């Protein structure tokens, strides 16, 4: 997971990405990918 893509990253987002990475590694499913994309949109919207 390349976090260099997100130069400005809050602590909340960092924790969030750790959880997502864990979920993704545990069970790589399209549902999690869609959830990640939706969450990124929400984070961008702030």
C-alpha atoms as a PDB file:
ATOM      1  CA  UNK A   1       0.000   0.000   0.000  1.00  0.00           C
ATOM      2  CA  UNK A   2       1.657   3.197  -1.186  1.00  0.00           C
ATOM      3  CA  UNK A   3       0.834   5.963   1.271  1.00  0.00           C
ATOM      4  CA  UNK A   4       3.038   8.366  -0.683  1.00  0.00           C
ATOM      5  CA  UNK A   5      -0.043   8.935  -2.816  1.00  0.00           C
ATOM      6  CA  UNK A   6      -1.600  10.665   0.184  1.00  0.00           C
ATOM      7  CA  UNK A   7       0.975  13.284   1.280  1.00  0.00           C
ATOM      8  CA  UNK A   8      -1.399  14.916   3.752  1.00  0.00           C
ATOM      9  CA  UNK A   9      -2.751  12.143   5.978  1.00  0.00           C
ATOM     10  CA  UNK A  10      -4.342  12.489   9.372  1.00  0.00           C
ATOM     11  CA  UNK A  11      -3.863  10.090  12.267  1.00  0.00           C
ATOM     12  CA  UNK A  12      -7.468   8.968  11.869  1.00  0.00           C
ATOM     13  CA  UNK A  13      -6.892   8.177   8.213  1.00  0.00           C
ATOM     14  CA  UNK A  14      -3.641   6.359   8.997  1.00  0.00           C
ATOM     15  CA  UNK A  15      -5.429   4.085  11.476  1.00  0.00           C
ATOM     16  CA  UNK A  16      -8.213   3.611   8.965  1.00  0.00           C
ATOM     17  CA  UNK A  17      -5.747   2.489   6.295  1.00  0.00           C
ATOM     18  CA  UNK A  18      -4.155   0.022   8.703  1.00  0.00           C
ATOM     19  CA  UNK A  19      -7.569  -1.530   9.357  1.00  0.00           C
ATOM     20  CA  UNK A  20      -8.390  -1.642   5.647  1.00  0.00           C
ATOM     21  CA  UNK A  21      -5.020  -3.204   4.854  1.00  0.00           C
ATOM     22  CA  UNK A  22      -5.629  -5.837   7.515  1.00  0.00           C
ATOM     23  CA  UNK A  23      -9.108  -6.582   6.166  1.00  0.00           C
ATOM     24  CA  UNK A  24      -7.779  -6.720   2.613  1.00  0.00           C
ATOM     25  CA  UNK A  25      -5.012  -9.141   3.551  1.00  0.00           C
ATOM     26  CA  UNK A  26      -7.380 -11.264   5.630  1.00  0.00           C
ATOM     27  CA  UNK A  27      -9.994 -11.627   2.920  1.00  0.00           C
ATOM     28  CA  UNK A  28      -9.497  -9.846  -0.383  1.00  0.00           C
ATOM     29  CA  UNK A  29     -13.016  -9.184  -1.567  1.00  0.00           C
ATOM     30  CA  UNK A  30     -14.501  -6.608  -3.918  1.00  0.00           C
ATOM     31  CA  UNK A  31     -16.772  -5.430  -1.110  1.00  0.00           C
ATOM     32  CA  UNK A  32     -13.805  -4.117   0.831  1.00  0.00           C
ATOM     33  CA  UNK A  33     -12.399  -2.452  -2.265  1.00  0.00           C
ATOM     34  CA  UNK A  34     -15.703  -0.657  -2.852  1.00  0.00           C
ATOM     35  CA  UNK A  35     -15.795   0.304   0.835  1.00  0.00           C
ATOM     36  CA  UNK A  36     -12.273   1.704   0.537  1.00  0.00           C
ATOM     37  CA  UNK A  37     -13.208   3.766  -2.518  1.00  0.00           C
ATOM     38  CA  UNK A  38     -16.321   5.133  -0.774  1.00  0.00           C
ATOM     39  CA  UNK A  39     -14.294   5.971   2.327  1.00  0.00           C
ATOM     40  CA  UNK A  40     -11.696   7.787   0.225  1.00  0.00           C
ATOM     41  CA  UNK A  41     -14.483   9.856  -1.345  1.00  0.00           C
ATOM     42  CA  UNK A  42     -15.736  10.725   2.145  1.00  0.00           C
ATOM     43  CA  UNK A  43     -12.230  11.689   3.286  1.00  0.00           C
ATOM     44  CA  UNK A  44     -11.742  13.822   0.151  1.00  0.00           C
ATOM     45  CA  UNK A  45     -15.056  15.553   0.805  1.00  0.00           C
ATOM     46  CA  UNK A  46     -13.950  16.924   4.176  1.00  0.00           C
END
